Each structure stands twice: as C-alpha cells, then as structure tokens.
PDB file of N, CA and C in Angstrom:
ATOM      1  N   UNK A   1     -51.563  67.073 -25.147  1.00  0.00           N
ATOM      2  CA  UNK A   1     -51.543  67.593 -23.830  1.00  0.00           C
ATOM      3  C   UNK A   1     -53.254  67.449 -23.900  1.00  0.00           C
ATOM      4  N   UNK A   2     -53.704  67.172 -22.467  1.00  0.00           N
ATOM      5  CA  UNK A   2     -55.201  67.366 -22.173  1.00  0.00           C
ATOM      6  C   UNK A   2     -55.893  68.171 -21.634  1.00  0.00           C
ATOM      7  N   UNK A   3     -54.978  69.632 -21.733  1.00  0.00           N
ATOM      8  CA  UNK A   3     -55.857  71.015 -21.344  1.00  0.00           C
ATOM      9  C   UNK A   3     -55.077  71.586 -20.043  1.00  0.00           C
ATOM     10  N   UNK A   4     -55.305  71.776 -19.474  1.00  0.00           N
ATOM     11  CA  UNK A   4     -55.199  73.024 -18.655  1.00  0.00           C
ATOM     12  C   UNK A   4     -54.365  72.386 -17.118  1.00  0.00           C
ATOM     13  N   UNK A   5     -54.705  70.564 -16.871  1.00  0.00           N
ATOM     14  CA  UNK A   5     -54.162  70.067 -16.354  1.00  0.00           C
ATOM     15  C   UNK A   5     -52.582  69.993 -16.261  1.00  0.00           C
ATOM     16  N   UNK A   6     -52.013  69.717 -17.526  1.00  0.00           N
ATOM     17  CA  UNK A   6     -50.816  69.220 -18.337  1.00  0.00           C
ATOM     18  C   UNK A   6     -50.324  70.546 -18.180  1.00  0.00           C
ATOM     19  N   UNK A   7     -51.053  72.109 -18.346  1.00  0.00           N
ATOM     20  CA  UNK A   7     -50.209  72.960 -18.246  1.00  0.00           C
ATOM     21  C   UNK A   7     -49.781  73.454 -17.169  1.00  0.00           C
ATOM     22  N   UNK A   8     -50.554  73.563 -16.441  1.00  0.00           N
ATOM     23  CA  UNK A   8     -50.351  73.821 -14.629  1.00  0.00           C
ATOM     24  C   UNK A   8     -49.524  72.117 -14.396  1.00  0.00           C
ATOM     25  N   UNK A   9     -49.257  71.369 -14.530  1.00  0.00           N
ATOM     26  CA  UNK A   9     -48.145  70.363 -14.262  1.00  0.00           C
ATOM     27  C   UNK A   9     -47.218  70.923 -14.891  1.00  0.00           C
ATOM     28  N   UNK A  10     -46.785  71.728 -15.834  1.00  0.00           N
ATOM     29  CA  UNK A  10     -45.633  72.083 -16.851  1.00  0.00           C
ATOM     30  C   UNK A  10     -45.033  73.316 -15.810  1.00  0.00           C
ATOM     31  N   UNK A  11     -45.771  74.182 -15.689  1.00  0.00           N
ATOM     32  CA  UNK A  11     -45.756  75.138 -15.568  1.00  0.00           C
ATOM     33  C   UNK A  11     -45.326  75.463 -13.553  1.00  0.00           C
ATOM     34  N   UNK A  12     -45.719  74.522 -13.092  1.00  0.00           N
ATOM     35  CA  UNK A  12     -45.581  74.051 -11.622  1.00  0.00           C
ATOM     36  C   UNK A  12     -45.052  73.256 -10.994  1.00  0.00           C
ATOM     37  N   UNK A  13     -43.999  72.606 -12.313  1.00  0.00           N
ATOM     38  CA  UNK A  13     -43.506  71.132 -11.910  1.00  0.00           C
ATOM     39  C   UNK A  13     -42.450  71.672 -10.549  1.00  0.00           C
ATOM     40  N   UNK A  14     -41.685  73.104 -10.571  1.00  0.00           N
ATOM     41  CA  UNK A  14     -40.666  72.738  -9.849  1.00  0.00           C
ATOM     42  C   UNK A  14     -41.913  72.658  -8.082  1.00  0.00           C
ATOM     43  N   UNK A  15     -43.075  73.222  -8.083  1.00  0.00           N
ATOM     44  CA  UNK A  15     -43.416  73.069  -6.941  1.00  0.00           C
ATOM     45  C   UNK A  15     -44.099  71.453  -6.641  1.00  0.00           C
ATOM     46  N   UNK A  16     -44.496  70.745  -7.840  1.00  0.00           N
ATOM     47  CA  UNK A  16     -44.373  69.206  -7.524  1.00  0.00           C
ATOM     48  C   UNK A  16     -43.451  68.876  -7.377  1.00  0.00           C
ATOM     49  N   UNK A  17     -42.321  69.152  -7.463  1.00  0.00           N
ATOM     50  CA  UNK A  17     -41.142  68.228  -6.960  1.00  0.00           C
ATOM     51  C   UNK A  17     -40.922  68.371  -5.422  1.00  0.00           C
ATOM     52  N   UNK A  18     -41.583  69.279  -4.458  1.00  0.00           N
ATOM     53  CA  UNK A  18     -41.246  69.585  -3.354  1.00  0.00           C
ATOM     54  C   UNK A  18     -41.422  68.351  -2.566  1.00  0.00           C
ATOM     55  N   UNK A  19     -40.340  67.954  -1.328  1.00  0.00           N
ATOM     56  CA  UNK A  19     -40.207  67.208  -0.762  1.00  0.00           C
ATOM     57  C   UNK A  19     -41.265  67.484   0.338  1.00  0.00           C
ATOM     58  N   UNK A  20     -41.464  66.734   1.083  1.00  0.00           N
ATOM     59  CA  UNK A  20     -42.320  66.376   2.679  1.00  0.00           C
ATOM     60  C   UNK A  20     -41.820  67.443   3.307  1.00  0.00           C
ATOM     61  N   UNK A  21     -40.421  67.626   3.790  1.00  0.00           N
ATOM     62  CA  UNK A  21     -40.167  68.766   4.585  1.00  0.00           C
ATOM     63  C   UNK A  21     -40.115  69.652   4.412  1.00  0.00           C
ATOM     64  N   UNK A  22     -40.647  70.481   3.279  1.00  0.00           N
ATOM     65  CA  UNK A  22     -40.424  71.564   2.623  1.00  0.00           C
ATOM     66  C   UNK A  22     -39.382  71.987   2.033  1.00  0.00           C
ATOM     67  N   UNK A  23     -38.555  71.471   1.946  1.00  0.00           N
ATOM     68  CA  UNK A  23     -37.360  71.917   0.874  1.00  0.00           C
ATOM     69  C   UNK A  23     -37.668  71.617  -0.437  1.00  0.00           C
ATOM     70  N   UNK A  24     -36.684  71.741  -1.434  1.00  0.00           N
ATOM     71  CA  UNK A  24     -37.057  71.683  -2.788  1.00  0.00           C
ATOM     72  C   UNK A  24     -35.618  71.089  -3.507  1.00  0.00           C
ATOM     73  N   UNK A  25     -35.616  69.655  -4.214  1.00  0.00           N
ATOM     74  CA  UNK A  25     -34.604  69.592  -5.281  1.00  0.00           C
ATOM     75  C   UNK A  25     -34.334  69.999  -6.132  1.00  0.00           C
ATOM     76  N   UNK A  26     -33.123  71.060  -6.047  1.00  0.00           N
ATOM     77  CA  UNK A  26     -32.981  71.565  -7.974  1.00  0.00           C
ATOM     78  C   UNK A  26     -33.222  70.441  -8.315  1.00  0.00           C
ATOM     79  N   UNK A  27     -33.607  71.621 -10.076  1.00  0.00           N
ATOM     80  CA  UNK A  27     -34.035  70.457 -11.097  1.00  0.00           C
ATOM     81  C   UNK A  27     -32.675  69.939 -11.401  1.00  0.00           C
ATOM     82  N   UNK A  28     -31.746  70.633 -11.519  1.00  0.00           N
ATOM     83  CA  UNK A  28     -30.256  70.389 -11.708  1.00  0.00           C
ATOM     84  C   UNK A  28     -30.032  68.782 -11.106  1.00  0.00           C
ATOM     85  N   UNK A  29     -30.060  68.708 -10.361  1.00  0.00           N
ATOM     86  CA  UNK A  29     -29.854  67.329  -9.186  1.00  0.00           C
ATOM     87  C   UNK A  29     -30.425  66.754  -9.892  1.00  0.00           C
ATOM     88  N   UNK A  30     -31.637  66.502 -10.065  1.00  0.00           N
ATOM     89  CA  UNK A  30     -32.401  65.623 -10.582  1.00  0.00           C
ATOM     90  C   UNK A  30     -32.499  65.073 -12.236  1.00  0.00           C
ATOM     91  N   UNK A  31     -32.156  66.037 -12.957  1.00  0.00           N
ATOM     92  CA  UNK A  31     -31.857  65.712 -14.316  1.00  0.00           C
ATOM     93  C   UNK A  31     -30.572  65.535 -14.553  1.00  0.00           C
ATOM     94  N   UNK A  32     -30.327  64.913 -16.108  1.00  0.00           N
ATOM     95  CA  UNK A  32     -29.081  65.454 -16.740  1.00  0.00           C
ATOM     96  C   UNK A  32     -29.356  66.037 -17.526  1.00  0.00           C
ATOM     97  N   UNK A  33     -28.261  66.749 -18.319  1.00  0.00           N
ATOM     98  CA  UNK A  33     -28.263  67.872 -19.313  1.00  0.00           C
ATOM     99  C   UNK A  33     -29.164  67.478 -20.637  1.00  0.00           C
ATOM    100  N   UNK A  34     -29.001  66.202 -20.653  1.00  0.00           N
ATOM    101  CA  UNK A  34     -29.980  65.983 -21.514  1.00  0.00           C
ATOM    102  C   UNK A  34     -31.453  66.013 -21.569  1.00  0.00           C
ATOM    103  N   UNK A  35     -31.671  65.127 -20.257  1.00  0.00           N
ATOM    104  CA  UNK A  35     -33.131  65.242 -19.590  1.00  0.00           C
ATOM    105  C   UNK A  35     -33.623  66.734 -19.967  1.00  0.00           C
ATOM    106  N   UNK A  36     -33.061  67.977 -19.549  1.00  0.00           N
ATOM    107  CA  UNK A  36     -33.049  69.484 -19.932  1.00  0.00           C
ATOM    108  C   UNK A  36     -33.267  69.514 -20.743  1.00  0.00           C
ATOM    109  N   UNK A  37     -32.421  69.354 -22.046  1.00  0.00           N
ATOM    110  CA  UNK A  37     -32.639  70.101 -22.819  1.00  0.00           C
ATOM    111  C   UNK A  37     -33.920  69.410 -23.721  1.00  0.00           C
ATOM    112  N   UNK A  38     -33.920  68.312 -23.267  1.00  0.00           N
ATOM    113  CA  UNK A  38     -35.670  67.839 -24.055  1.00  0.00           C
ATOM    114  C   UNK A  38     -36.681  68.049 -23.515  1.00  0.00           C
ATOM    115  N   UNK A  39     -36.571  68.354 -22.061  1.00  0.00           N
ATOM    116  CA  UNK A  39     -37.797  69.171 -21.401  1.00  0.00           C
ATOM    117  C   UNK A  39     -38.245  70.181 -22.400  1.00  0.00           C
ATOM    118  N   UNK A  40     -36.765  71.086 -21.815  1.00  0.00           N
ATOM    119  CA  UNK A  40     -37.386  72.727 -22.560  1.00  0.00           C
ATOM    120  C   UNK A  40     -37.682  72.444 -23.953  1.00  0.00           C
ATOM    121  N   UNK A  41     -37.263  71.830 -24.892  1.00  0.00           N
ATOM    122  CA  UNK A  41     -37.978  71.756 -26.438  1.00  0.00           C
ATOM    123  C   UNK A  41     -39.141  71.147 -26.160  1.00  0.00           C
ATOM    124  N   UNK A  42     -39.185  70.082 -25.440  1.00  0.00           N
ATOM    125  CA  UNK A  42     -40.870  69.903 -25.277  1.00  0.00           C
ATOM    126  C   UNK A  42     -41.596  70.976 -25.104  1.00  0.00           C
ATOM    127  N   UNK A  43     -41.739  71.262 -23.667  1.00  0.00           N
ATOM    128  CA  UNK A  43     -42.602  72.175 -23.272  1.00  0.00           C
ATOM    129  C   UNK A  43     -42.754  73.409 -24.307  1.00  0.00           C
ATOM    130  N   UNK A  44     -41.511  74.100 -24.446  1.00  0.00           N
ATOM    131  CA  UNK A  44     -41.548  75.444 -25.453  1.00  0.00           C
ATOM    132  C   UNK A  44     -42.169  75.162 -26.781  1.00  0.00           C
ATOM    133  N   UNK A  45     -42.486  74.079 -27.286  1.00  0.00           N
ATOM    134  CA  UNK A  45     -43.105  73.577 -28.187  1.00  0.00           C
ATOM    135  C   UNK A  45     -44.578  73.395 -28.117  1.00  0.00           C
ATOM    136  N   UNK A  46     -44.778  72.709 -27.135  1.00  0.00           N
ATOM    137  CA  UNK A  46     -46.130  72.955 -26.224  1.00  0.00           C
ATOM    138  C   UNK A  46     -46.836  74.661 -26.023  1.00  0.00           C
ATOM    139  N   UNK A  47     -45.773  75.316 -25.658  1.00  0.00           N
ATOM    140  CA  UNK A  47     -46.739  76.454 -25.665  1.00  0.00           C
ATOM    141  C   UNK A  47     -47.069  77.168 -26.788  1.00  0.00           C
ATOM    142  N   UNK A  48     -46.488  77.144 -27.720  1.00  0.00           N
ATOM    143  CA  UNK A  48     -46.700  77.454 -29.384  1.00  0.00           C
ATOM    144  C   UNK A  48     -48.158  76.775 -29.820  1.00  0.00           C
ATOM    145  N   UNK A  49     -48.475  75.422 -29.016  1.00  0.00           N
ATOM    146  CA  UNK A  49     -49.541  74.897 -29.639  1.00  0.00           C
ATOM    147  C   UNK A  49     -50.614  75.002 -28.604  1.00  0.00           C
ATOM    148  N   UNK A  50     -50.842  76.251 -27.853  1.00  0.00           N
ATOM    149  CA  UNK A  50     -51.671  76.193 -26.878  1.00  0.00           C
ATOM    150  C   UNK A  50     -52.597  77.136 -27.271  1.00  0.00           C
ATOM    151  N   UNK A  51     -54.293  77.127 -27.145  1.00  0.00           N
ATOM    152  CA  UNK A  51     -54.927  77.761 -27.809  1.00  0.00           C
ATOM    153  C   UNK A  51     -55.206  79.411 -27.137  1.00  0.00           C
ATOM    154  N   UNK A  52     -55.923  80.063 -27.463  1.00  0.00           N
ATOM    155  CA  UNK A  52     -56.096  81.623 -26.846  1.00  0.00           C
ATOM    156  C   UNK A  52     -56.306  81.697 -25.711  1.00  0.00           C
ATOM    157  N   UNK A  53     -57.128  80.448 -25.162  1.00  0.00           N
ATOM    158  CA  UNK A  53     -57.942  80.665 -24.328  1.00  0.00           C
ATOM    159  C   UNK A  53     -57.343  79.984 -23.115  1.00  0.00           C
ATOM    160  N   UNK A  54     -56.107  79.109 -23.408  1.00  0.00           N
ATOM    161  CA  UNK A  54     -55.379  78.569 -22.294  1.00  0.00           C
ATOM    162  C   UNK A  54     -54.073  79.516 -22.123  1.00  0.00           C
ATOM    163  N   UNK A  55     -53.704  80.338 -23.428  1.00  0.00           N
ATOM    164  CA  UNK A  55     -52.785  81.121 -23.392  1.00  0.00           C
ATOM    165  C   UNK A  55     -53.279  82.204 -22.022  1.00  0.00           C
ATOM    166  N   UNK A  56     -54.819  82.303 -21.901  1.00  0.00           N
ATOM    167  CA  UNK A  56     -55.291  83.423 -21.191  1.00  0.00           C
ATOM    168  C   UNK A  56     -55.087  82.814 -19.526  1.00  0.00           C
ATOM    169  N   UNK A  57     -55.695  81.744 -19.481  1.00  0.00           N
ATOM    170  CA  UNK A  57     -55.571  81.169 -18.302  1.00  0.00           C
ATOM    171  C   UNK A  57     -54.462  81.040 -17.779  1.00  0.00           C
ATOM    172  N   UNK A  58     -53.243  80.990 -18.290  1.00  0.00           N
ATOM    173  CA  UNK A  58     -51.906  80.900 -17.439  1.00  0.00           C
ATOM    174  C   UNK A  58     -51.317  82.368 -17.150  1.00  0.00           C
ATOM    175  N   UNK A  59     -52.278  83.206 -17.931  1.00  0.00           N
ATOM    176  CA  UNK A  59     -51.693  84.764 -17.719  1.00  0.00           C
ATOM    177  C   UNK A  59     -50.683  85.084 -19.238  1.00  0.00           C
ATOM    178  N   UNK A  60     -50.686  84.741 -19.884  1.00  0.00           N
ATOM    179  CA  UNK A  60     -49.508  85.299 -20.739  1.00  0.00           C
ATOM    180  C   UNK A  60     -49.998  84.925 -22.651  1.00  0.00           C
ATOM    181  N   UNK A  61     -49.563  86.359 -23.237  1.00  0.00           N
ATOM    182  CA  UNK A  61     -50.073  86.664 -24.285  1.00  0.00           C
ATOM    183  C   UNK A  61     -49.583  85.577 -25.300  1.00  0.00           C
ATOM    184  N   UNK A  62     -50.352  85.932 -26.589  1.00  0.00           N
ATOM    185  CA  UNK A  62     -49.457  84.539 -28.008  1.00  0.00           C
ATOM    186  C   UNK A  62     -48.123  85.322 -28.307  1.00  0.00           C
ATOM    187  N   UNK A  63     -47.648  86.904 -28.250  1.00  0.00           N
ATOM    188  CA  UNK A  63     -46.520  87.113 -28.339  1.00  0.00           C
ATOM    189  C   UNK A  63     -45.321  86.689 -27.143  1.00  0.00           C
ATOM    190  N   UNK A  64     -46.048  86.573 -25.994  1.00  0.00           N
ATOM    191  CA  UNK A  64     -44.526  86.315 -24.399  1.00  0.00           C
ATOM    192  C   UNK A  64     -44.752  84.504 -25.033  1.00  0.00           C
ATOM    193  N   UNK A  65     -45.618  83.804 -24.990  1.00  0.00           N
ATOM    194  CA  UNK A  65     -45.206  82.504 -25.790  1.00  0.00           C
ATOM    195  C   UNK A  65     -44.371  82.863 -26.662  1.00  0.00           C
ATOM    196  N   UNK A  66     -44.752  83.200 -27.794  1.00  0.00           N
ATOM    197  CA  UNK A  66     -43.635  83.163 -29.052  1.00  0.00           C
ATOM    198  C   UNK A  66     -42.374  83.407 -28.634  1.00  0.00           C
ATOM    199  N   UNK A  67     -42.313  84.585 -27.822  1.00  0.00           N
ATOM    200  CA  UNK A  67     -40.756  84.678 -27.237  1.00  0.00           C
ATOM    201  C   UNK A  67     -40.260  83.671 -26.168  1.00  0.00           C
ATOM    202  N   UNK A  68     -41.132  83.212 -25.470  1.00  0.00           N
ATOM    203  CA  UNK A  68     -40.386  82.175 -24.419  1.00  0.00           C
ATOM    204  C   UNK A  68     -40.208  80.864 -25.711  1.00  0.00           C
ATOM    205  N   UNK A  69     -40.950  80.451 -26.419  1.00  0.00           N
ATOM    206  CA  UNK A  69     -40.664  79.331 -27.281  1.00  0.00           C
ATOM    207  C   UNK A  69     -39.613  79.364 -28.296  1.00  0.00           C
ATOM    208  N   UNK A  70     -39.440  80.347 -28.593  1.00  0.00           N
ATOM    209  CA  UNK A  70     -37.979  80.722 -29.181  1.00  0.00           C
ATOM    210  C   UNK A  70     -37.019  81.418 -28.453  1.00  0.00           C
ATOM    211  N   UNK A  71     -36.846  81.220 -27.317  1.00  0.00           N
ATOM    212  CA  UNK A  71     -35.774  81.291 -26.395  1.00  0.00           C
ATOM    213  C   UNK A  71     -34.301  80.136 -26.877  1.00  0.00           C
ATOM    214  N   UNK A  72     -33.014  80.545 -26.813  1.00  0.00           N
ATOM    215  CA  UNK A  72     -32.465  79.132 -27.053  1.00  0.00           C
ATOM    216  C   UNK A  72     -32.486  78.111 -26.053  1.00  0.00           C
ATOM    217  N   UNK A  73     -32.309  76.588 -26.080  1.00  0.00           N
ATOM    218  CA  UNK A  73     -32.534  75.902 -25.496  1.00  0.00           C
ATOM    219  C   UNK A  73     -31.225  75.638 -24.173  1.00  0.00           C
ATOM    220  N   UNK A  74     -30.741  76.731 -24.639  1.00  0.00           N
ATOM    221  CA  UNK A  74     -29.189  76.592 -23.247  1.00  0.00           C
ATOM    222  C   UNK A  74     -30.204  78.092 -21.991  1.00  0.00           C
ATOM    223  N   UNK A  75     -30.646  78.361 -22.505  1.00  0.00           N
ATOM    224  CA  UNK A  75     -31.066  79.474 -21.387  1.00  0.00           C
ATOM    225  C   UNK A  75     -32.454  78.830 -20.842  1.00  0.00           C
ATOM    226  N   UNK A  76     -32.390  79.034 -19.435  1.00  0.00           N
ATOM    227  CA  UNK A  76     -33.692  78.955 -18.535  1.00  0.00           C
ATOM    228  C   UNK A  76     -34.841  79.722 -18.738  1.00  0.00           C
TER     229      UNK A  76
END
C-alpha cells in the first residue's frame, strides 16, 4: 500500500464505480463470488496492516479494524 490514497480507494470503491448518469452498478453485478471473496480477504488483511495514524485518518480505532478484519468472508 502507498498510504492514504490506497486506503481511500479501498474504502470508497463503491463511489468510484459510479457511472456517468449517476447510477451505481452493484458490486455483485461486476464481480464473481471468487472475486468478492479475494477482495474481502485482501482488504481485511490490509486493515490489520494500517498504522495507528492511518486508522485515525479514516476514523476507526485499532479495535474496530481488528473486529472488521476478523469477520467471516461471507459477511459484507
């Protein structure tokens, strides 16, 4: 990860998928189940790797990051 740019891209990916007319394509329509699984595994692991400063920047505590990272992959 390259710092906050990557964190924002991960956290706001849904906004980045917005279409020109303002509608948003659901993530499920774009990703297969395997892609969703691997994205969740990857982003939850990345949460654990963030520094305390980066966690403060995105407004979550170390404990909240740990809880999110430990969620089962089948839960959004």
